[in-house]
Amino acid sequence: MPCQAINIDARGLRCPLPALRLARAVRENGPGTYSLAADDPAATLDIPALCAERGWHLTAAGEGVFHVTVPLSPNSPSA
C-alpha cells in the first residue's frame, strides 16, 4: 500500500501553533507520514524538538517544509 503524506499547512501561524497542528494531526490520524509547511522561524527548533520528544522521525527539513514519519510504536526504528 503506497504511503502518501498527510499535508499540514501552518504557514502564517506563529509558535507554538505549527507544532500543535502537527501533534493534532498525528493524534487524529495515527502512525504515518506527515508533511508540515511552516514559515515561522521558531519551527526550525520546535519541530525537531517535538519529534525527538515523541519518538517521531524527522526525515527531511528545509525551505519551510518538514517531513515527519510517525512509527507504529514511538520507539521503533524507522523502516
PDB file of N, CA and C in Angstrom:
ATOM      1  N   MET A   1       0.845  -1.168   0.000  1.00  0.00           N
ATOM      2  CA  MET A   1       0.000   0.000   0.000  1.00  0.00           C
ATOM      3  C   MET A   1       0.893   1.236   0.000  1.00  0.00           C
ATOM      4  N   PRO A   2       0.713   2.185  -0.936  1.00  0.00           N
ATOM      5  CA  PRO A   2       1.578   3.347  -1.008  1.00  0.00           C
ATOM      6  C   PRO A   2       1.365   4.283   0.176  1.00  0.00           C
ATOM      7  N   CYS A   3       2.452   4.876   0.609  1.00  0.00           N
ATOM      8  CA  CYS A   3       2.385   5.825   1.712  1.00  0.00           C
ATOM      9  C   CYS A   3       2.280   7.231   1.151  1.00  0.00           C
ATOM     10  N   GLN A   4       1.167   7.877   1.415  1.00  0.00           N
ATOM     11  CA  GLN A   4       1.009   9.256   0.993  1.00  0.00           C
ATOM     12  C   GLN A   4       1.032  10.126   2.243  1.00  0.00           C
ATOM     13  N   ALA A   5       1.785  11.199   2.180  1.00  0.00           N
ATOM     14  CA  ALA A   5       1.922  12.085   3.330  1.00  0.00           C
ATOM     15  C   ALA A   5       0.625  12.839   3.587  1.00  0.00           C
ATOM     16  N   ILE A   6       0.345  13.030   4.856  1.00  0.00           N
ATOM     17  CA  ILE A   6      -0.743  13.902   5.267  1.00  0.00           C
ATOM     18  C   ILE A   6      -0.152  15.305   5.315  1.00  0.00           C
ATOM     19  N   ASN A   7      -0.730  16.218   4.557  1.00  0.00           N
ATOM     20  CA  ASN A   7      -0.206  17.580   4.453  1.00  0.00           C
ATOM     21  C   ASN A   7      -0.862  18.487   5.480  1.00  0.00           C
ATOM     22  N   ILE A   8      -0.023  19.276   6.150  1.00  0.00           N
ATOM     23  CA  ILE A   8      -0.483  20.227   7.148  1.00  0.00           C
ATOM     24  C   ILE A   8       0.068  21.588   6.763  1.00  0.00           C
ATOM     25  N   ASP A   9      -0.809  22.540   6.564  1.00  0.00           N
ATOM     26  CA  ASP A   9      -0.385  23.892   6.201  1.00  0.00           C
ATOM     27  C   ASP A   9      -0.483  24.787   7.426  1.00  0.00           C
ATOM     28  N   ALA A  10       0.666  25.134   7.987  1.00  0.00           N
ATOM     29  CA  ALA A  10       0.718  26.005   9.156  1.00  0.00           C
ATOM     30  C   ALA A  10       1.429  27.315   8.812  1.00  0.00           C
ATOM     31  N   ARG A  11       1.474  27.650   7.525  1.00  0.00           N
ATOM     32  CA  ARG A  11       2.107  28.904   7.120  1.00  0.00           C
ATOM     33  C   ARG A  11       1.300  30.076   7.660  1.00  0.00           C
ATOM     34  N   GLY A  12       2.019  31.082   8.131  1.00  0.00           N
ATOM     35  CA  GLY A  12       1.376  32.260   8.697  1.00  0.00           C
ATOM     36  C   GLY A  12       1.049  32.122  10.174  1.00  0.00           C
ATOM     37  N   LEU A  13       1.263  30.933  10.734  1.00  0.00           N
ATOM     38  CA  LEU A  13       0.998  30.720  12.156  1.00  0.00           C
ATOM     39  C   LEU A  13       2.304  30.826  12.935  1.00  0.00           C
ATOM     40  N   ARG A  14       2.221  31.364  14.111  1.00  0.00           N
ATOM     41  CA  ARG A  14       3.400  31.549  14.951  1.00  0.00           C
ATOM     42  C   ARG A  14       3.456  30.501  16.053  1.00  0.00           C
ATOM     43  N   CYS A  15       4.640  30.329  16.592  1.00  0.00           N
ATOM     44  CA  CYS A  15       4.920  29.408  17.682  1.00  0.00           C
ATOM     45  C   CYS A  15       3.876  29.603  18.792  1.00  0.00           C
ATOM     46  N   PRO A  16       3.341  28.548  19.306  1.00  0.00           N
ATOM     47  CA  PRO A  16       3.607  27.128  19.080  1.00  0.00           C
ATOM     48  C   PRO A  16       2.629  26.464  18.104  1.00  0.00           C
ATOM     49  N   LEU A  17       1.858  27.247  17.379  1.00  0.00           N
ATOM     50  CA  LEU A  17       0.791  26.668  16.558  1.00  0.00           C
ATOM     51  C   LEU A  17       1.237  25.651  15.511  1.00  0.00           C
ATOM     52  N   PRO A  18       2.351  25.840  14.787  1.00  0.00           N
ATOM     53  CA  PRO A  18       2.747  24.780  13.839  1.00  0.00           C
ATOM     54  C   PRO A  18       2.978  23.427  14.516  1.00  0.00           C
ATOM     55  N   ALA A  19       3.641  23.428  15.661  1.00  0.00           N
ATOM     56  CA  ALA A  19       3.878  22.175  16.389  1.00  0.00           C
ATOM     57  C   ALA A  19       2.563  21.586  16.892  1.00  0.00           C
ATOM     58  N   LEU A  20       1.665  22.442  17.351  1.00  0.00           N
ATOM     59  CA  LEU A  20       0.367  21.959  17.823  1.00  0.00           C
ATOM     60  C   LEU A  20      -0.465  21.372  16.684  1.00  0.00           C
ATOM     61  N   ARG A  21      -0.387  21.972  15.507  1.00  0.00           N
ATOM     62  CA  ARG A  21      -1.113  21.441  14.342  1.00  0.00           C
ATOM     63  C   ARG A  21      -0.582  20.058  13.964  1.00  0.00           C
ATOM     64  N   LEU A  22       0.747  19.912  13.992  1.00  0.00           N
ATOM     65  CA  LEU A  22       1.335  18.601  13.682  1.00  0.00           C
ATOM     66  C   LEU A  22       0.910  17.575  14.720  1.00  0.00           C
ATOM     67  N   ALA A  23       0.993  17.924  16.000  1.00  0.00           N
ATOM     68  CA  ALA A  23       0.615  16.989  17.062  1.00  0.00           C
ATOM     69  C   ALA A  23      -0.854  16.588  16.943  1.00  0.00           C
ATOM     70  N   ARG A  24      -1.725  17.538  16.614  1.00  0.00           N
ATOM     71  CA  ARG A  24      -3.149  17.224  16.464  1.00  0.00           C
ATOM     72  C   ARG A  24      -3.371  16.278  15.279  1.00  0.00           C
ATOM     73  N   ALA A  25      -2.682  16.522  14.179  1.00  0.00           N
ATOM     74  CA  ALA A  25      -2.824  15.661  13.005  1.00  0.00           C
ATOM     75  C   ALA A  25      -2.400  14.233  13.332  1.00  0.00           C
ATOM     76  N   VAL A  26      -1.309  14.086  14.064  1.00  0.00           N
ATOM     77  CA  VAL A  26      -0.836  12.750  14.442  1.00  0.00           C
ATOM     78  C   VAL A  26      -1.837  12.092  15.386  1.00  0.00           C
ATOM     79  N   ARG A  27      -2.358  12.853  16.324  1.00  0.00           N
ATOM     80  CA  ARG A  27      -3.349  12.324  17.254  1.00  0.00           C
ATOM     81  C   ARG A  27      -4.597  11.840  16.506  1.00  0.00           C
ATOM     82  N   GLU A  28      -5.021  12.589  15.501  1.00  0.00           N
ATOM     83  CA  GLU A  28      -6.229  12.254  14.749  1.00  0.00           C
ATOM     84  C   GLU A  28      -6.014  11.136  13.727  1.00  0.00           C
ATOM     85  N   ASN A  29      -4.800  11.029  13.161  1.00  0.00           N
ATOM     86  CA  ASN A  29      -4.551  10.100  12.054  1.00  0.00           C
ATOM     87  C   ASN A  29      -3.644   8.923  12.396  1.00  0.00           C
ATOM     88  N   GLY A  30      -2.911   9.008  13.487  1.00  0.00           N
ATOM     89  CA  GLY A  30      -2.053   7.908  13.906  1.00  0.00           C
ATOM     90  C   GLY A  30      -0.752   7.829  13.115  1.00  0.00           C
ATOM     91  N   PRO A  31      -0.102   6.667  13.180  1.00  0.00           N
ATOM     92  CA  PRO A  31       1.186   6.476  12.515  1.00  0.00           C
ATOM     93  C   PRO A  31       1.091   6.740  11.017  1.00  0.00           C
ATOM     94  N   GLY A  32       2.187   7.234  10.460  1.00  0.00           N
ATOM     95  CA  GLY A  32       2.223   7.511   9.032  1.00  0.00           C
ATOM     96  C   GLY A  32       3.232   8.584   8.711  1.00  0.00           C
ATOM     97  N   THR A  33       3.074   9.163   7.541  1.00  0.00           N
ATOM     98  CA  THR A  33       3.988  10.184   7.049  1.00  0.00           C
ATOM     99  C   THR A  33       3.254  11.515   6.977  1.00  0.00           C
ATOM    100  N   TYR A  34       3.920  12.548   7.435  1.00  0.00           N
ATOM    101  CA  TYR A  34       3.332  13.881   7.502  1.00  0.00           C
ATOM    102  C   TYR A  34       4.265  14.886   6.839  1.00  0.00           C
ATOM    103  N   SER A  35       3.674  15.866   6.206  1.00  0.00           N
ATOM    104  CA  SER A  35       4.422  16.961   5.603  1.00  0.00           C
ATOM    105  C   SER A  35       3.841  18.259   6.161  1.00  0.00           C
ATOM    106  N   LEU A  36       4.654  18.993   6.892  1.00  0.00           N
ATOM    107  CA  LEU A  36       4.231  20.228   7.547  1.00  0.00           C
ATOM    108  C   LEU A  36       4.880  21.416   6.854  1.00  0.00           C
ATOM    109  N   ALA A  37       4.057  22.349   6.388  1.00  0.00           N
ATOM    110  CA  ALA A  37       4.564  23.613   5.843  1.00  0.00           C
ATOM    111  C   ALA A  37       4.419  24.659   6.933  1.00  0.00           C
ATOM    112  N   ALA A  38       5.535  25.259   7.344  1.00  0.00           N
ATOM    113  CA  ALA A  38       5.527  26.254   8.415  1.00  0.00           C
ATOM    114  C   ALA A  38       6.601  27.289   8.131  1.00  0.00           C
ATOM    115  N   ASP A  39       6.212  28.556   8.123  1.00  0.00           N
ATOM    116  CA  ASP A  39       7.180  29.609   7.834  1.00  0.00           C
ATOM    117  C   ASP A  39       7.622  30.396   9.072  1.00  0.00           C
ATOM    118  N   ASP A  40       7.203  29.989  10.238  1.00  0.00           N
ATOM    119  CA  ASP A  40       7.665  30.626  11.472  1.00  0.00           C
ATOM    120  C   ASP A  40       9.105  30.174  11.733  1.00  0.00           C
ATOM    121  N   PRO A  41      10.037  31.111  11.892  1.00  0.00           N
ATOM    122  CA  PRO A  41      11.433  30.717  12.138  1.00  0.00           C
ATOM    123  C   PRO A  41      11.603  29.799  13.351  1.00  0.00           C
ATOM    124  N   ALA A  42      10.739  29.921  14.341  1.00  0.00           N
ATOM    125  CA  ALA A  42      10.841  29.076  15.535  1.00  0.00           C
ATOM    126  C   ALA A  42      10.565  27.609  15.209  1.00  0.00           C
ATOM    127  N   ALA A  43       9.877  27.330  14.105  1.00  0.00           N
ATOM    128  CA  ALA A  43       9.568  25.949  13.736  1.00  0.00           C
ATOM    129  C   ALA A  43      10.838  25.142  13.492  1.00  0.00           C
ATOM    130  N   THR A  44      11.911  25.790  13.060  1.00  0.00           N
ATOM    131  CA  THR A  44      13.164  25.061  12.814  1.00  0.00           C
ATOM    132  C   THR A  44      13.733  24.455  14.094  1.00  0.00           C
ATOM    133  N   LEU A  45      13.339  25.002  15.236  1.00  0.00           N
ATOM    134  CA  LEU A  45      13.724  24.420  16.528  1.00  0.00           C
ATOM    135  C   LEU A  45      12.605  23.580  17.120  1.00  0.00           C
ATOM    136  N   ASP A  46      11.382  24.073  17.010  1.00  0.00           N
ATOM    137  CA  ASP A  46      10.236  23.423  17.645  1.00  0.00           C
ATOM    138  C   ASP A  46       9.927  22.046  17.059  1.00  0.00           C
ATOM    139  N   ILE A  47       9.933  21.928  15.744  1.00  0.00           N
ATOM    140  CA  ILE A  47       9.523  20.667  15.124  1.00  0.00           C
ATOM    141  C   ILE A  47      10.537  19.550  15.405  1.00  0.00           C
ATOM    142  N   PRO A  48      11.844  19.790  15.253  1.00  0.00           N
ATOM    143  CA  PRO A  48      12.792  18.728  15.626  1.00  0.00           C
ATOM    144  C   PRO A  48      12.688  18.342  17.107  1.00  0.00           C
ATOM    145  N   ALA A  49      12.448  19.324  17.975  1.00  0.00           N
ATOM    146  CA  ALA A  49      12.312  19.033  19.410  1.00  0.00           C
ATOM    147  C   ALA A  49      11.066  18.189  19.675  1.00  0.00           C
ATOM    148  N   LEU A  50       9.966  18.528  19.026  1.00  0.00           N
ATOM    149  CA  LEU A  50       8.730  17.761  19.181  1.00  0.00           C
ATOM    150  C   LEU A  50       8.939  16.321  18.709  1.00  0.00           C
ATOM    151  N   CYS A  51       9.594  16.165  17.573  1.00  0.00           N
ATOM    152  CA  CYS A  51       9.857  14.824  17.041  1.00  0.00           C
ATOM    153  C   CYS A  51      10.714  14.006  17.999  1.00  0.00           C
ATOM    154  N   ALA A  52      11.756  14.611  18.525  1.00  0.00           N
ATOM    155  CA  ALA A  52      12.641  13.902  19.452  1.00  0.00           C
ATOM    156  C   ALA A  52      11.889  13.511  20.725  1.00  0.00           C
ATOM    157  N   GLU A  53      11.058  14.405  21.207  1.00  0.00           N
ATOM    158  CA  GLU A  53      10.296  14.157  22.430  1.00  0.00           C
ATOM    159  C   GLU A  53       9.284  13.021  22.259  1.00  0.00           C
ATOM    160  N   ARG A  54       8.674  12.946  21.083  1.00  0.00           N
ATOM    161  CA  ARG A  54       7.594  11.978  20.851  1.00  0.00           C
ATOM    162  C   ARG A  54       8.070  10.679  20.198  1.00  0.00           C
ATOM    163  N   GLY A  55       9.343  10.599  19.819  1.00  0.00           N
ATOM    164  CA  GLY A  55       9.841   9.384  19.162  1.00  0.00           C
ATOM    165  C   GLY A  55       9.487   9.327  17.689  1.00  0.00           C
ATOM    166  N   TRP A  56       9.207  10.479  17.095  1.00  0.00           N
ATOM    167  CA  TRP A  56       8.908  10.558  15.675  1.00  0.00           C
ATOM    168  C   TRP A  56      10.212  10.784  14.918  1.00  0.00           C
ATOM    169  N   HIS A  57      10.214  10.541  13.615  1.00  0.00           N
ATOM    170  CA  HIS A  57      11.431  10.684  12.821  1.00  0.00           C
ATOM    171  C   HIS A  57      11.290  11.864  11.867  1.00  0.00           C
ATOM    172  N   LEU A  58      12.126  12.857  12.037  1.00  0.00           N
ATOM    173  CA  LEU A  58      12.190  13.982  11.112  1.00  0.00           C
ATOM    174  C   LEU A  58      13.075  13.532   9.967  1.00  0.00           C
ATOM    175  N   THR A  59      12.471  13.238   8.826  1.00  0.00           N
ATOM    176  CA  THR A  59      13.221  12.655   7.720  1.00  0.00           C
ATOM    177  C   THR A  59      13.813  13.694   6.789  1.00  0.00           C
ATOM    178  N   ALA A  60      13.238  14.897   6.769  1.00  0.00           N
ATOM    179  CA  ALA A  60      13.771  15.981   5.944  1.00  0.00           C
ATOM    180  C   ALA A  60      13.192  17.293   6.436  1.00  0.00           C
ATOM    181  N   ALA A  61      13.992  18.338   6.283  1.00  0.00           N
ATOM    182  CA  ALA A  61      13.530  19.674   6.653  1.00  0.00           C
ATOM    183  C   ALA A  61      14.289  20.689   5.807  1.00  0.00           C
ATOM    184  N   GLY A  62      13.570  21.686   5.364  1.00  0.00           N
ATOM    185  CA  GLY A  62      14.206  22.745   4.599  1.00  0.00           C
ATOM    186  C   GLY A  62      13.174  23.578   3.864  1.00  0.00           C
ATOM    187  N   GLU A  63      13.489  24.833   3.697  1.00  0.00           N
ATOM    188  CA  GLU A  63      12.641  25.765   2.982  1.00  0.00           C
ATOM    189  C   GLU A  63      11.208  25.777   3.505  1.00  0.00           C
ATOM    190  N   GLY A  64      11.077  25.681   4.827  1.00  0.00           N
ATOM    191  CA  GLY A  64       9.764  25.774   5.448  1.00  0.00           C
ATOM    192  C   GLY A  64       8.907  24.532   5.372  1.00  0.00           C
ATOM    193  N   VAL A  65       9.503  23.393   5.005  1.00  0.00           N
ATOM    194  CA  VAL A  65       8.741  22.141   4.938  1.00  0.00           C
ATOM    195  C   VAL A  65       9.465  21.092   5.784  1.00  0.00           C
ATOM    196  N   PHE A  66       8.686  20.390   6.595  1.00  0.00           N
ATOM    197  CA  PHE A  66       9.205  19.356   7.482  1.00  0.00           C
ATOM    198  C   PHE A  66       8.502  18.048   7.148  1.00  0.00           C
ATOM    199  N   HIS A  67       9.292  16.996   6.913  1.00  0.00           N
ATOM    200  CA  HIS A  67       8.743  15.674   6.624  1.00  0.00           C
ATOM    201  C   HIS A  67       8.981  14.801   7.848  1.00  0.00           C
ATOM    202  N   VAL A  68       7.894  14.269   8.375  1.00  0.00           N
ATOM    203  CA  VAL A  68       7.941  13.518   9.629  1.00  0.00           C
ATOM    204  C   VAL A  68       7.299  12.156   9.416  1.00  0.00           C
ATOM    205  N   THR A  69       7.953  11.122   9.941  1.00  0.00           N
ATOM    206  CA  THR A  69       7.383   9.782   9.945  1.00  0.00           C
ATOM    207  C   THR A  69       7.095   9.406  11.381  1.00  0.00           C
ATOM    208  N   VAL A  70       5.860   8.990  11.624  1.00  0.00           N
ATOM    209  CA  VAL A  70       5.436   8.551  12.951  1.00  0.00           C
ATOM    210  C   VAL A  70       5.321   7.035  12.895  1.00  0.00           C
ATOM    211  N   PRO A  71       6.178   6.317  13.619  1.00  0.00           N
ATOM    212  CA  PRO A  71       6.151   4.858  13.578  1.00  0.00           C
ATOM    213  C   PRO A  71       4.962   4.287  14.354  1.00  0.00           C
ATOM    214  N   LEU A  72       4.688   3.007  14.134  1.00  0.00           N
ATOM    215  CA  LEU A  72       3.614   2.338  14.868  1.00  0.00           C
ATOM    216  C   LEU A  72       3.828   2.447  16.358  1.00  0.00           C
ATOM    217  N   SER A  73       5.046   2.211  16.789  1.00  0.00           N
ATOM    218  CA  SER A  73       5.409   2.364  18.184  1.00  0.00           C
ATOM    219  C   SER A  73       6.375   3.537  18.265  1.00  0.00           C
ATOM    220  N   PRO A  74       6.164   4.484  19.198  1.00  0.00           N
ATOM    221  CA  PRO A  74       7.008   5.673  19.244  1.00  0.00           C
ATOM    222  C   PRO A  74       8.502   5.392  19.303  1.00  0.00           C
ATOM    223  N   ASN A  75       8.897   4.246  19.820  1.00  0.00           N
ATOM    224  CA  ASN A  75      10.326   3.964  19.957  1.00  0.00           C
ATOM    225  C   ASN A  75      10.853   2.964  18.961  1.00  0.00           C
ATOM    226  N   SER A  76      10.016   2.579  17.966  1.00  0.00           N
ATOM    227  CA  SER A  76      10.500   1.615  16.988  1.00  0.00           C
ATOM    228  C   SER A  76      11.388   2.303  15.965  1.00  0.00           C
ATOM    229  N   PRO A  77      12.376   1.608  15.425  1.00  0.00           N
ATOM    230  CA  PRO A  77      13.255   2.216  14.421  1.00  0.00           C
ATOM    231  C   PRO A  77      12.498   2.480  13.124  1.00  0.00           C
ATOM    232  N   SER A  78      12.963   3.471  12.389  1.00  0.00           N
ATOM    233  CA  SER A  78      12.304   3.787  11.116  1.00  0.00           C
ATOM    234  C   SER A  78      12.547   2.666  10.121  1.00  0.00           C
ATOM    235  N   ALA A  79      11.586   2.453   9.252  1.00  0.00           N
ATOM    236  CA  ALA A  79      11.688   1.384   8.261  1.00  0.00           C
ATOM    237  C   ALA A  79      12.549   1.786   7.108  1.00  0.00           C
TER     238      ALA A  79
END
